[in-house]
Amino acid sequence: MQYTVNEKGYYGKFGGAYVPEMLYPNVEELRQNYLKIIASPAFQNEFQDLLRNYVGRPTPLGYARRLSDKYKCHIFLKREDLNHTGAHKINNTIGQILVAKQLGKSKIIAETGAGQHGVATATVCALMGMDCIVYMGKHDMERQRPNVERMRILGATVVPATSGSQTLKDATNEAMRHWINNPTDTHYIIGSVVGPHPYPDMVARFQSVISEEMRKQLKEQTQNELPDYVVACVGGGSNAAGAFYHFLDEPTVKLVAVEAAGKGVHTGMSAATTALGTTGILHGSKTILMQTEDGQVVEPYSISAGLDYPGIGPIHAHLFDTQRGIFVAVTDDEAMKAGFEVSRLEGIIPAIETAHAFAALDKLTLKKSDVVVINLSGRGDKDLETYIRYKNQLEN
């Protein structure tokens, strides 16, 4: 079974490039060049140097002693929250802006939900002296205000998406429209393993540094580079793709993808794609998405701005379809409880996206000898208002 992408851009039956004719030249230019660019020594030297000296990699793999005591197993945290900008997103934006430079592009556009990808894109644009426009749902701009201000301070123009649910899906639609109208000088940095081929593969490759480091660090700390479980939250799924990448062909490693169940999987306010979705086309690729019988996208919901996407990346659709991945749904309440628990047990306030991954510990049957790595994909600074509001509601 092949879990990485094939030469046609598919993971099993998912993937491909379903794009309007006007976008075809942009996507095709990228497809023809990305592997050559990434493989070149000059690219790799600059990429590795920036990851080390700008992003702050490798990120630590820390033993979570008090969490391990509670769950009676061995829990390690891959600390992507310690990257510059506070999340895993920067790994991909550094890689993509270097690709854009090689293709002679001078302007960058991006979409963002929680704002972390927007901040990471604005950051690398400032670093490289490139114009930056970030599309963000109006609703997300309200609940992630600190990140909106960070993007503006970094010199980016933040454009509200005011259609639909005014969240990530709508921001993606707006960004794609912009790209159609500005094909020659603009590169679109997609923030997750979604969109037309080659984006899911390119983003997964840039994020695979996470699992590459995990293997080395586990070997140093446990004498075995293979854990029993790797756990990561999934919206579109870039941090999970990065965390799973170098374990895909290791059948003893269980890959746990945690989706947002919102108010409950079947409440009509959920983003649990694999539980509710069917096969269809979303943002240029064939994947699993939440849709009505006549193919209209169902609005997702999650307390976490980064997880309320109505689909998953084709790599995850394939992992679900082949049962290589274990997909778990976690509600708002379960995630928030886990976020507070990790804060108090380990002195780390996780992003609410990441809190969903921690909540999955209650849903796994763990043995004393099990080694579990949780990808701590982002820090909770951006979510403090949501944490405070939630705490106040509980207390009143």
Protein backbone atom coordinates (compact mmCIF):
# COMPACT_ATOMS: atom_id res chain seq x y z
CA MET A 1 0.00 0.00 0.00
CA GLN A 2 1.39 3.40 -0.98
CA TYR A 3 0.55 6.21 1.44
CA THR A 4 2.49 9.01 -0.27
CA VAL A 5 1.26 10.68 -3.43
CA ASN A 6 1.59 8.96 -6.83
CA GLU A 7 2.86 10.62 -10.03
CA LYS A 8 -0.68 11.67 -10.99
CA GLY A 9 -1.22 13.50 -7.71
CA TYR A 10 -3.42 10.90 -6.01
CA TYR A 11 -3.38 9.18 -2.63
CA GLY A 12 -5.32 6.04 -3.54
CA LYS A 13 -8.55 7.43 -4.99
CA PHE A 14 -8.18 10.89 -3.40
CA GLY A 15 -6.28 13.97 -4.59
CA GLY A 16 -5.76 15.20 -8.14
CA ALA A 17 -6.14 18.74 -9.48
CA TYR A 18 -9.72 19.80 -10.21
CA VAL A 19 -9.23 23.43 -11.16
CA PRO A 20 -10.92 25.89 -13.50
CA GLU A 21 -9.17 26.43 -16.82
CA MET A 22 -7.96 29.87 -15.72
CA LEU A 23 -6.07 28.37 -12.75
CA TYR A 24 -4.54 25.52 -14.72
CA PRO A 25 -1.35 27.41 -15.79
CA ASN A 26 -0.57 28.43 -12.17
CA VAL A 27 -1.01 24.93 -10.78
CA GLU A 28 0.79 23.31 -13.72
CA GLU A 29 3.82 25.64 -13.37
CA LEU A 30 4.10 24.60 -9.75
CA ARG A 31 3.61 20.89 -10.47
CA GLN A 32 6.32 20.85 -13.12
CA ASN A 33 8.89 22.62 -10.95
CA TYR A 34 8.34 21.98 -7.23
CA LEU A 35 10.23 18.67 -6.91
CA LYS A 36 13.23 19.95 -8.90
CA ILE A 37 13.35 23.14 -6.81
CA ILE A 38 13.02 21.34 -3.46
CA ALA A 39 15.69 18.77 -4.39
CA SER A 40 18.32 21.34 -5.39
CA PRO A 41 21.25 21.74 -2.96
CA ALA A 42 20.92 25.56 -2.99
CA PHE A 43 17.25 25.32 -1.92
CA GLN A 44 17.98 22.75 0.78
CA ASN A 45 20.88 24.79 2.18
CA GLU A 46 18.74 27.92 2.50
CA PHE A 47 15.71 26.00 3.80
CA GLN A 48 17.69 24.12 6.47
CA ASP A 49 19.55 27.27 7.50
CA LEU A 50 16.28 29.18 7.99
CA LEU A 51 14.68 26.29 9.88
CA ARG A 52 17.65 26.18 12.22
CA ASN A 53 18.54 29.85 12.68
CA TYR A 54 15.21 31.62 12.10
CA VAL A 55 12.49 29.14 13.08
CA GLY A 56 14.49 27.60 15.94
CA ARG A 57 14.49 23.94 14.89
CA PRO A 58 14.86 21.23 15.92
CA THR A 59 11.97 21.66 18.36
CA PRO A 60 12.29 19.64 21.60
CA LEU A 61 10.60 16.30 22.21
CA GLY A 62 9.76 16.61 25.91
CA TYR A 63 8.65 13.89 28.29
CA ALA A 64 5.33 14.87 29.88
CA ARG A 65 5.86 13.37 33.34
CA ARG A 66 2.61 14.36 35.06
CA LEU A 67 0.47 13.56 32.01
CA SER A 68 2.25 10.19 31.74
CA ASP A 69 1.51 9.48 35.41
CA LYS A 70 -2.17 10.27 34.90
CA TYR A 71 -2.61 8.08 31.79
CA LYS A 72 -0.18 5.39 33.02
CA CYS A 73 1.96 5.28 29.87
CA HIS A 74 4.87 7.25 28.37
CA ILE A 75 3.76 10.53 26.76
CA PHE A 76 6.12 12.75 24.79
CA LEU A 77 5.24 16.19 23.42
CA LYS A 78 6.68 17.40 20.11
CA ARG A 79 6.97 21.10 20.84
CA GLU A 80 5.96 22.83 17.60
CA ASP A 81 4.56 25.60 19.82
CA LEU A 82 8.17 26.68 20.40
CA ASN A 83 8.75 27.55 16.74
CA HIS A 84 9.04 31.22 15.79
CA THR A 85 5.42 32.48 15.41
CA GLY A 86 4.12 29.83 17.81
CA ALA A 87 3.03 26.93 15.59
CA HIS A 88 4.05 24.39 12.95
CA LYS A 89 2.79 26.64 10.12
CA ILE A 90 6.15 28.41 9.67
CA ASN A 91 7.82 25.17 8.39
CA ASN A 92 5.61 25.27 5.31
CA THR A 93 5.63 29.04 4.69
CA ILE A 94 9.44 29.14 4.71
CA GLY A 95 9.52 26.30 2.17
CA GLN A 96 6.86 27.80 -0.09
CA ILE A 97 8.26 31.32 -0.16
CA LEU A 98 11.61 29.88 -1.29
CA VAL A 99 9.76 28.00 -4.07
CA ALA A 100 7.94 31.25 -5.02
CA LYS A 101 11.28 33.09 -5.25
CA GLN A 102 12.67 30.40 -7.55
CA LEU A 103 9.59 30.76 -9.78
CA GLY A 104 10.16 34.52 -10.01
CA LYS A 105 7.03 35.54 -8.06
CA SER A 106 7.00 38.88 -6.24
CA LYS A 107 3.63 38.77 -4.43
CA ILE A 108 2.14 36.30 -1.99
CA ILE A 109 -1.45 35.54 -1.05
CA ALA A 110 -2.70 33.18 1.66
CA GLU A 111 -5.83 32.10 3.48
CA THR A 112 -6.06 31.60 7.23
CA GLY A 113 -8.52 30.31 9.82
CA ALA A 114 -7.03 30.59 13.29
CA GLY A 115 -4.59 33.17 11.94
CA GLN A 116 -1.43 31.11 12.62
CA HIS A 117 -0.86 30.39 8.93
CA GLY A 118 -1.57 34.06 8.14
CA VAL A 119 0.98 35.17 10.73
CA ALA A 120 3.55 32.66 9.43
CA THR A 121 2.98 33.87 5.85
CA ALA A 122 3.18 37.56 6.83
CA THR A 123 6.39 36.74 8.74
CA VAL A 124 8.21 35.13 5.80
CA CYS A 125 6.99 37.88 3.44
CA ALA A 126 8.51 40.48 5.76
CA LEU A 127 11.71 38.42 5.89
CA MET A 128 11.92 38.21 2.08
CA GLY A 129 10.56 41.72 1.32
CA MET A 130 7.48 40.49 -0.58
CA ASP A 131 3.95 41.94 -0.74
CA CYS A 132 1.47 39.89 1.28
CA ILE A 133 -2.34 39.68 1.22
CA VAL A 134 -4.07 37.34 3.67
CA TYR A 135 -7.75 36.38 3.30
CA MET A 136 -9.50 35.60 6.56
CA GLY A 137 -13.17 34.94 7.37
CA LYS A 138 -14.81 37.94 9.04
CA HIS A 139 -16.00 35.69 11.89
CA ASP A 140 -12.47 34.33 12.39
CA MET A 141 -11.05 37.88 12.40
CA GLU A 142 -13.32 38.68 15.35
CA ARG A 143 -12.36 35.62 17.40
CA GLN A 144 -8.63 35.75 16.54
CA ARG A 145 -8.03 39.50 16.80
CA PRO A 146 -4.46 39.29 18.22
CA ASN A 147 -3.34 37.35 15.14
CA VAL A 148 -5.00 39.87 12.81
CA GLU A 149 -3.01 42.65 14.49
CA ARG A 150 0.21 40.63 14.30
CA MET A 151 -0.26 40.21 10.53
CA ARG A 152 -0.83 43.94 10.11
CA ILE A 153 2.23 44.84 12.19
CA LEU A 154 4.27 42.53 9.93
CA GLY A 155 3.06 44.53 6.91
CA ALA A 156 0.39 42.22 5.51
CA THR A 157 -2.99 43.37 4.19
CA VAL A 158 -5.74 41.34 5.86
CA VAL A 159 -8.90 41.07 3.72
CA PRO A 160 -12.13 39.85 5.38
CA ALA A 161 -14.13 37.12 3.63
CA THR A 162 -17.78 38.02 4.14
CA SER A 163 -19.57 35.20 2.30
CA GLY A 164 -20.96 31.95 3.73
CA SER A 165 -20.02 31.22 7.32
CA GLN A 166 -17.22 33.83 7.09
CA THR A 167 -14.61 31.24 8.13
CA LEU A 168 -11.74 29.26 6.58
CA LYS A 169 -13.65 27.76 3.63
CA ASP A 170 -14.76 31.23 2.52
CA ALA A 171 -11.27 32.70 2.96
CA THR A 172 -9.92 29.90 0.73
CA ASN A 173 -12.54 30.69 -1.94
CA GLU A 174 -11.52 34.38 -1.93
CA ALA A 175 -7.80 33.57 -2.14
CA MET A 176 -8.37 31.27 -5.13
CA ARG A 177 -10.38 34.01 -6.88
CA HIS A 178 -7.54 36.47 -6.35
CA TRP A 179 -5.03 33.98 -7.77
CA ILE A 180 -7.10 33.47 -10.94
CA ASN A 181 -6.95 37.23 -11.54
CA ASN A 182 -3.21 37.59 -10.78
CA PRO A 183 -1.52 34.48 -12.18
CA THR A 184 1.87 35.73 -13.35
CA ASP A 185 3.37 37.61 -10.40
CA THR A 186 1.57 35.93 -7.47
CA HIS A 187 2.15 32.69 -5.56
CA TYR A 188 -0.62 31.30 -3.35
CA ILE A 189 0.78 29.80 -0.13
CA ILE A 190 -1.85 27.24 0.92
CA GLY A 191 -1.54 26.53 4.63
CA SER A 192 -2.66 22.93 4.82
CA VAL A 193 -2.48 19.61 2.94
CA VAL A 194 -5.52 20.64 0.87
CA GLY A 195 -6.08 22.10 -2.58
CA PRO A 196 -5.08 20.81 -6.02
CA HIS A 197 -1.96 18.68 -6.55
CA PRO A 198 0.90 19.47 -5.91
CA TYR A 199 -0.12 21.43 -2.79
CA PRO A 200 -1.01 18.50 -0.47
CA ASP A 201 2.28 16.77 -1.29
CA MET A 202 4.38 19.95 -1.14
CA VAL A 203 2.97 21.02 2.24
CA ALA A 204 3.36 17.48 3.64
CA ARG A 205 7.02 17.44 2.52
CA PHE A 206 7.76 20.74 4.24
CA GLN A 207 5.98 19.62 7.43
CA SER A 208 7.66 16.17 7.40
CA VAL A 209 10.57 17.74 9.29
CA ILE A 210 8.37 17.14 12.38
CA SER A 211 8.36 13.33 12.14
CA GLU A 212 11.95 13.26 10.87
CA GLU A 213 13.05 14.93 14.12
CA MET A 214 10.68 12.78 16.21
CA ARG A 215 12.36 9.57 15.06
CA LYS A 216 15.87 10.82 15.90
CA GLN A 217 14.78 12.26 19.25
CA LEU A 218 12.89 9.12 20.29
CA LYS A 219 15.94 7.01 19.45
CA GLU A 220 18.08 9.22 21.70
CA GLN A 221 15.58 9.14 24.56
CA THR A 222 14.10 5.62 24.41
CA GLN A 223 16.58 3.68 22.22
CA ASN A 224 13.68 3.03 19.82
CA GLU A 225 12.73 5.46 17.05
CA LEU A 226 9.21 4.03 16.66
CA PRO A 227 6.50 5.04 19.14
CA ASP A 228 3.28 3.08 19.63
CA TYR A 229 1.06 6.09 18.86
CA VAL A 230 1.43 9.44 17.11
CA VAL A 231 -1.49 11.75 17.89
CA ALA A 232 -2.33 15.01 16.07
CA CYS A 233 -5.37 17.19 15.49
CA VAL A 234 -6.79 17.42 11.96
CA GLY A 235 -8.63 20.27 10.26
CA GLY A 236 -7.14 20.27 6.77
CA GLY A 237 -4.37 18.31 8.41
CA SER A 238 -0.90 19.80 7.85
CA ASN A 239 0.50 19.25 11.35
CA ALA A 240 -0.85 15.67 11.32
CA ALA A 241 0.61 15.02 7.85
CA GLY A 242 3.99 16.24 9.10
CA ALA A 243 3.79 14.18 12.29
CA PHE A 244 2.72 11.00 10.46
CA TYR A 245 4.94 11.33 7.35
CA HIS A 246 7.98 9.29 8.38
CA PHE A 247 5.82 6.66 10.11
CA LEU A 248 3.41 5.96 7.21
CA ASP A 249 5.21 2.75 6.24
CA GLU A 250 5.71 1.56 9.85
CA PRO A 251 2.62 -0.59 10.54
CA THR A 252 3.39 -0.92 14.27
CA VAL A 253 2.94 2.84 14.74
CA LYS A 254 -0.72 3.78 15.21
CA LEU A 255 -1.56 7.14 13.62
CA VAL A 256 -4.35 8.94 15.51
CA ALA A 257 -6.04 11.85 13.73
CA VAL A 258 -8.31 13.93 15.96
CA GLU A 259 -11.19 15.86 14.41
CA ALA A 260 -13.40 18.54 15.93
CA ALA A 261 -16.86 17.25 16.88
CA GLY A 262 -18.01 20.72 17.96
CA LYS A 263 -21.23 20.48 19.98
CA GLY A 264 -21.40 16.75 19.13
CA VAL A 265 -20.89 14.73 15.93
CA HIS A 266 -24.61 14.59 15.02
CA THR A 267 -25.77 17.95 16.39
CA GLY A 268 -25.44 19.82 13.09
CA MET A 269 -22.65 21.87 14.72
CA SER A 270 -19.57 19.78 14.02
CA ALA A 271 -16.47 19.51 11.82
CA ALA A 272 -15.98 15.74 12.19
CA THR A 273 -15.42 15.17 8.48
CA THR A 274 -14.76 11.43 8.41
CA ALA A 275 -17.83 10.73 10.59
CA LEU A 276 -20.16 12.92 8.52
CA GLY A 277 -18.55 13.31 5.10
CA THR A 278 -18.72 11.65 1.70
CA THR A 279 -16.40 11.71 -1.31
CA GLY A 280 -16.48 14.87 -3.40
CA ILE A 281 -14.43 17.77 -4.74
CA LEU A 282 -13.37 20.60 -2.41
CA HIS A 283 -10.93 23.41 -3.26
CA GLY A 284 -9.43 21.56 -6.20
CA SER A 285 -8.99 18.03 -4.88
CA LYS A 286 -11.06 14.88 -4.51
CA THR A 287 -11.43 14.15 -0.83
CA ILE A 288 -13.92 13.46 1.96
CA LEU A 289 -16.06 16.48 2.81
CA MET A 290 -19.26 17.41 4.59
CA GLN A 291 -21.89 18.01 1.91
CA THR A 292 -25.60 17.74 1.22
CA GLU A 293 -27.02 15.06 -1.12
CA ASP A 294 -26.86 17.51 -4.02
CA GLY A 295 -23.22 18.39 -3.31
CA GLN A 296 -23.57 21.70 -1.44
CA VAL A 297 -20.88 22.12 1.23
CA VAL A 298 -22.24 21.85 4.78
CA GLU A 299 -21.02 24.64 7.07
CA PRO A 300 -18.65 23.18 9.67
CA TYR A 301 -18.48 24.32 13.29
CA SER A 302 -15.79 24.13 15.98
CA ILE A 303 -14.81 26.27 18.94
CA SER A 304 -11.37 26.18 17.32
CA ALA A 305 -10.95 28.47 14.32
CA GLY A 306 -8.27 26.22 12.84
CA LEU A 307 -10.39 23.06 12.77
CA ASP A 308 -13.71 24.25 11.32
CA TYR A 309 -12.94 23.17 7.77
CA PRO A 310 -15.60 21.07 5.97
CA GLY A 311 -13.10 18.58 4.52
CA ILE A 312 -9.75 16.93 5.14
CA GLY A 313 -6.65 16.74 2.98
CA PRO A 314 -6.61 13.85 0.48
CA ILE A 315 -3.71 12.19 2.33
CA HIS A 316 -5.97 11.88 5.41
CA ALA A 317 -8.95 10.76 3.33
CA HIS A 318 -6.70 7.94 2.08
CA LEU A 319 -5.48 7.07 5.59
CA PHE A 320 -9.12 6.89 6.73
CA ASP A 321 -10.23 4.90 3.68
CA THR A 322 -7.44 2.31 4.07
CA GLN A 323 -7.83 2.26 7.89
CA ARG A 324 -4.15 3.17 8.25
CA GLY A 325 -5.27 6.11 10.41
CA ILE A 326 -7.42 5.95 13.54
CA PHE A 327 -9.88 8.87 13.36
CA VAL A 328 -11.32 10.19 16.61
CA ALA A 329 -13.86 13.00 17.12
CA VAL A 330 -13.55 15.33 20.13
CA THR A 331 -16.19 17.86 21.25
CA ASP A 332 -15.61 21.49 22.24
CA ASP A 333 -16.13 20.61 25.90
CA GLU A 334 -13.70 17.67 25.81
CA ALA A 335 -11.05 19.80 24.08
CA MET A 336 -11.41 22.73 26.49
CA LYS A 337 -11.22 20.41 29.51
CA ALA A 338 -8.05 18.85 28.06
CA GLY A 339 -6.56 22.31 27.37
CA PHE A 340 -7.00 23.36 31.00
CA GLU A 341 -5.68 20.01 32.22
CA VAL A 342 -2.45 20.22 30.15
CA SER A 343 -1.96 23.82 31.31
CA ARG A 344 -2.12 22.73 34.96
CA LEU A 345 -0.27 19.43 34.69
CA GLU A 346 2.56 20.46 32.34
CA GLY A 347 2.72 24.27 32.50
CA ILE A 348 1.93 24.54 28.79
CA ILE A 349 -1.19 26.33 27.48
CA PRO A 350 -1.88 24.60 24.16
CA ALA A 351 -3.71 26.08 21.18
CA ILE A 352 -7.33 24.90 21.24
CA GLU A 353 -6.63 22.96 18.02
CA THR A 354 -3.92 21.03 19.89
CA ALA A 355 -6.16 20.59 22.95
CA HIS A 356 -8.33 18.34 20.74
CA ALA A 357 -5.33 16.01 20.31
CA PHE A 358 -4.81 15.83 24.09
CA ALA A 359 -8.50 15.00 24.61
CA ALA A 360 -8.02 11.86 22.47
CA LEU A 361 -5.98 10.31 25.33
CA ASP A 362 -9.29 9.54 27.08
CA LYS A 363 -10.48 7.62 24.00
CA LEU A 364 -7.46 5.34 23.56
CA THR A 365 -6.86 2.07 25.40
CA LEU A 366 -3.28 2.57 26.53
CA LYS A 367 -0.89 0.03 28.06
CA LYS A 368 1.81 0.83 30.64
CA SER A 369 4.58 0.21 28.11
CA ASP A 370 3.03 2.39 25.36
CA VAL A 371 5.00 5.34 24.02
CA VAL A 372 2.68 8.08 22.80
CA VAL A 373 3.89 11.18 20.93
CA ILE A 374 1.45 14.10 20.77
CA ASN A 375 2.22 16.79 18.23
CA LEU A 376 1.82 20.00 20.23
CA SER A 377 1.13 21.98 17.09
CA GLY A 378 0.64 25.46 18.52
CA ARG A 379 0.56 27.60 21.63
CA GLY A 380 -2.55 28.99 23.24
CA ASP A 381 -1.71 32.71 23.35
CA LYS A 382 -4.05 33.33 20.41
CA ASP A 383 -6.89 31.51 22.21
CA LEU A 384 -6.73 33.20 25.61
CA GLU A 385 -10.00 35.07 25.07
CA THR A 386 -11.78 31.79 24.21
CA TYR A 387 -10.27 30.06 27.26
CA ILE A 388 -11.29 32.95 29.53
CA ARG A 389 -14.81 33.09 28.12
CA TYR A 390 -15.23 29.33 28.50
CA LYS A 391 -13.95 29.41 32.10
CA ASN A 392 -16.33 32.25 32.98
CA GLN A 393 -19.29 30.33 31.54
CA LEU A 394 -18.40 27.29 33.64
CA GLU A 395 -18.15 29.38 36.79
CA ASN A 396 -21.43 31.29 36.29
